[in-house]
Amino acid sequence: FIPYAIDDLAVLLWIGIAILIIISSVLLDSRLPSPPIVETRIRKEIIAILRVCTGMSLLLTAYDGSIFAPHCQAGGNFGVILLIIEGIAGVLLISNYFVLQASLMLFTLYAALILQFGFIETMEYWNIIGIAFFLMFNNLSNSHYEEKLKPYSVPVLRIFTGIALVTLGLSEKLLGAEHGED
């Protein structure tokens, strides 16, 4: 079995197609009207579901001894501190208290993950950054800034989740195809 390499024609072709789709999406998005954000009960419930599910995920991975994902095992004293931060952030998100501070903890955890595992390895988890921004933009204590930033919450979440998915597609599907042999 010979896995794809980044310079293979098929990989380059799909990267080119992905870039064209992204450019087309950006151009179309700037020309299409965007609906105003309406404060509805359903919107608040969806935000609550995202907040609680993220909190549960953080608690479960912290209990497992890992940061964000099972293969990012925390090690040493630094790892224990990260697990404590991850657990506290999870509890805060589930309880709906200090959501802004929990979002800042997610940024801190992500930065620490870069230090511990490297930038390339952590690119697969950019969705965490998107979730942190989303929750932050929807839970600012200053209503002036919240009204300015809230319209960007969904696009930021979409962009960072897209980056994470593209990274996963490249690292685990195209370039890491030999792992599928096992």
Protein backbone atom coordinates (compact mmCIF):
# COMPACT_ATOMS: atom_id res chain seq x y z
CA PHE A 1 0.00 0.00 0.00
CA ILE A 2 1.40 3.36 -1.05
CA PRO A 3 -0.38 6.33 0.54
CA TYR A 4 -0.86 9.64 -1.20
CA ALA A 5 1.80 12.30 -0.86
CA ILE A 6 1.14 16.04 -0.77
CA ASP A 7 2.73 16.48 -4.22
CA ASP A 8 0.69 13.75 -5.95
CA LEU A 9 -1.44 15.00 -8.85
CA ALA A 10 -4.71 13.81 -7.28
CA VAL A 11 -3.96 15.58 -3.99
CA LEU A 12 -2.93 18.79 -5.74
CA LEU A 13 -6.06 18.64 -7.89
CA TRP A 14 -8.34 18.29 -4.86
CA ILE A 15 -6.50 21.04 -3.01
CA GLY A 16 -7.06 23.28 -6.06
CA ILE A 17 -10.75 22.36 -6.17
CA ALA A 18 -11.07 23.08 -2.44
CA ILE A 19 -9.40 26.47 -2.86
CA LEU A 20 -11.77 27.33 -5.74
CA ILE A 21 -14.78 26.32 -3.63
CA ILE A 22 -13.53 28.44 -0.72
CA ILE A 23 -12.93 31.48 -2.95
CA SER A 24 -16.37 31.04 -4.55
CA SER A 25 -17.97 30.75 -1.11
CA VAL A 26 -16.27 33.91 0.13
CA LEU A 27 -17.34 35.84 -2.98
CA LEU A 28 -20.93 34.56 -2.80
CA ASP A 29 -21.13 35.18 0.94
CA SER A 30 -20.15 38.81 0.51
CA ARG A 31 -22.85 39.32 -2.15
CA LEU A 32 -25.73 37.44 -0.54
CA PRO A 33 -27.85 39.23 2.06
CA SER A 34 -27.38 38.05 5.60
CA PRO A 35 -30.46 37.76 7.76
CA PRO A 36 -30.44 39.67 11.04
CA ILE A 37 -29.85 37.73 14.22
CA VAL A 38 -33.15 37.34 15.99
CA GLU A 39 -33.18 36.50 19.67
CA THR A 40 -35.47 33.51 19.76
CA ARG A 41 -36.00 30.70 22.20
CA ILE A 42 -34.71 28.16 19.66
CA ARG A 43 -31.47 30.11 19.13
CA LYS A 44 -30.87 30.24 22.87
CA GLU A 45 -31.58 26.52 23.18
CA ILE A 46 -29.12 25.69 20.38
CA ILE A 47 -26.45 27.79 22.08
CA ALA A 48 -27.21 25.97 25.34
CA ILE A 49 -26.90 22.57 23.63
CA LEU A 50 -23.52 23.53 22.15
CA ARG A 51 -22.36 24.87 25.52
CA VAL A 52 -23.46 21.77 27.47
CA CYS A 53 -22.13 19.28 24.89
CA THR A 54 -18.78 21.08 24.80
CA GLY A 55 -18.67 21.08 28.60
CA MET A 56 -19.47 17.36 28.74
CA SER A 57 -16.80 16.62 26.15
CA LEU A 58 -14.23 18.57 28.15
CA LEU A 59 -15.14 16.74 31.35
CA LEU A 60 -15.00 13.33 29.71
CA THR A 61 -11.64 13.92 28.05
CA ALA A 62 -10.23 15.40 31.28
CA TYR A 63 -11.44 12.33 33.18
CA ASP A 64 -9.70 10.18 30.55
CA GLY A 65 -6.47 12.12 31.13
CA SER A 66 -6.37 13.82 27.76
CA ILE A 67 -6.81 17.32 26.39
CA PHE A 68 -9.61 17.68 23.78
CA ALA A 69 -9.01 14.21 22.27
CA PRO A 70 -7.89 10.74 23.41
CA HIS A 71 -4.55 10.84 21.59
CA CYS A 72 -3.51 14.12 23.29
CA GLN A 73 -2.61 12.57 26.63
CA ALA A 74 -1.61 15.03 29.34
CA GLY A 75 1.72 14.27 30.95
CA GLY A 76 3.60 15.52 33.98
CA ASN A 77 2.71 18.40 36.27
CA PHE A 78 1.97 20.67 33.30
CA GLY A 79 -0.50 18.08 32.03
CA VAL A 80 -2.24 17.86 35.41
CA ILE A 81 -2.68 21.65 35.43
CA LEU A 82 -4.17 21.45 31.93
CA LEU A 83 -6.56 18.69 33.00
CA ILE A 84 -7.72 20.80 35.94
CA ILE A 85 -8.30 23.81 33.65
CA GLU A 86 -10.16 21.58 31.19
CA GLY A 87 -12.36 20.16 33.96
CA ILE A 88 -13.14 23.59 35.39
CA ALA A 89 -14.01 24.90 31.92
CA GLY A 90 -16.30 21.91 31.40
CA VAL A 91 -18.11 22.48 34.69
CA LEU A 92 -18.49 26.21 33.98
CA LEU A 93 -19.96 25.54 30.53
CA ILE A 94 -22.40 22.94 31.80
CA SER A 95 -23.51 25.13 34.71
CA ASN A 96 -23.81 28.24 32.48
CA TYR A 97 -21.72 30.30 34.92
CA PHE A 98 -18.73 32.35 33.83
CA VAL A 99 -19.06 31.22 30.20
CA LEU A 100 -16.77 34.05 29.06
CA GLN A 101 -14.04 32.85 31.44
CA ALA A 102 -14.56 29.25 30.29
CA SER A 103 -14.07 30.44 26.69
CA LEU A 104 -10.80 32.09 27.70
CA MET A 105 -9.78 28.80 29.33
CA LEU A 106 -10.37 27.07 25.99
CA PHE A 107 -7.97 29.52 24.32
CA THR A 108 -5.43 28.84 27.06
CA LEU A 109 -5.81 25.07 26.67
CA TYR A 110 -5.36 25.34 22.92
CA ALA A 111 -2.19 27.41 23.32
CA ALA A 112 -0.86 24.88 25.83
CA LEU A 113 -1.72 22.07 23.43
CA ILE A 114 0.39 23.78 20.77
CA LEU A 115 3.29 23.94 23.22
CA GLN A 116 2.94 20.29 24.19
CA PHE A 117 2.13 18.64 20.84
CA GLY A 118 3.11 21.17 18.16
CA PHE A 119 1.17 23.43 15.83
CA ILE A 120 0.51 20.88 13.06
CA GLU A 121 -0.91 18.29 15.46
CA THR A 122 -3.26 20.81 17.04
CA MET A 123 -4.60 22.19 13.76
CA GLU A 124 -7.08 19.30 13.81
CA TYR A 125 -8.79 20.99 16.76
CA TRP A 126 -9.36 24.51 15.44
CA ASN A 127 -13.05 23.86 15.96
CA ILE A 128 -12.33 24.38 19.67
CA ILE A 129 -11.17 27.91 18.89
CA GLY A 130 -14.35 28.46 16.87
CA ILE A 131 -16.50 27.20 19.76
CA ALA A 132 -14.61 29.46 22.18
CA PHE A 133 -15.18 32.51 19.97
CA PHE A 134 -18.84 31.56 19.44
CA LEU A 135 -19.51 31.24 23.15
CA MET A 136 -17.54 34.38 23.93
CA PHE A 137 -19.35 36.49 21.33
CA ASN A 138 -22.70 35.35 22.71
CA ASN A 139 -21.82 35.87 26.40
CA LEU A 140 -20.00 39.19 26.65
CA SER A 141 -20.82 41.23 29.74
CA ASN A 142 -20.67 44.49 27.78
CA SER A 143 -23.86 44.63 25.70
CA HIS A 144 -22.32 47.15 23.27
CA TYR A 145 -19.52 44.74 22.29
CA GLU A 146 -21.87 41.76 22.34
CA GLU A 147 -24.20 43.40 19.82
CA LYS A 148 -21.23 44.21 17.57
CA LEU A 149 -19.65 40.75 17.79
CA LYS A 150 -22.71 38.47 17.98
CA PRO A 151 -23.34 38.59 14.19
CA TYR A 152 -19.84 37.14 13.67
CA SER A 153 -20.35 34.22 16.06
CA VAL A 154 -21.77 31.74 13.55
CA PRO A 155 -19.39 32.64 10.68
CA VAL A 156 -16.39 32.30 13.01
CA LEU A 157 -17.66 28.92 14.22
CA ARG A 158 -18.17 27.80 10.59
CA ILE A 159 -14.71 28.97 9.47
CA PHE A 160 -12.78 27.36 12.32
CA THR A 161 -14.77 24.12 12.02
CA GLY A 162 -14.06 24.11 8.28
CA ILE A 163 -10.34 24.56 8.91
CA ALA A 164 -10.41 21.65 11.35
CA LEU A 165 -12.25 19.43 8.86
CA VAL A 166 -9.88 20.30 6.01
CA THR A 167 -6.91 19.58 8.27
CA LEU A 168 -8.41 16.25 9.30
CA GLY A 169 -9.10 15.39 5.68
CA LEU A 170 -5.51 16.04 4.72
CA SER A 171 -3.76 14.59 7.77
CA GLU A 172 -5.84 11.47 8.34
CA LYS A 173 -7.45 10.70 5.01
CA LEU A 174 -5.02 11.72 2.29
CA LEU A 175 -1.62 11.90 3.93
CA GLY A 176 -2.27 9.44 6.75
CA ALA A 177 -3.99 6.76 4.68
CA GLU A 178 -1.55 4.10 5.86
CA HIS A 179 -3.28 4.19 9.25
CA GLY A 180 -6.37 2.74 7.58
CA GLU A 181 -4.46 -0.43 6.72
CA ASP A 182 -4.48 -1.74 10.27
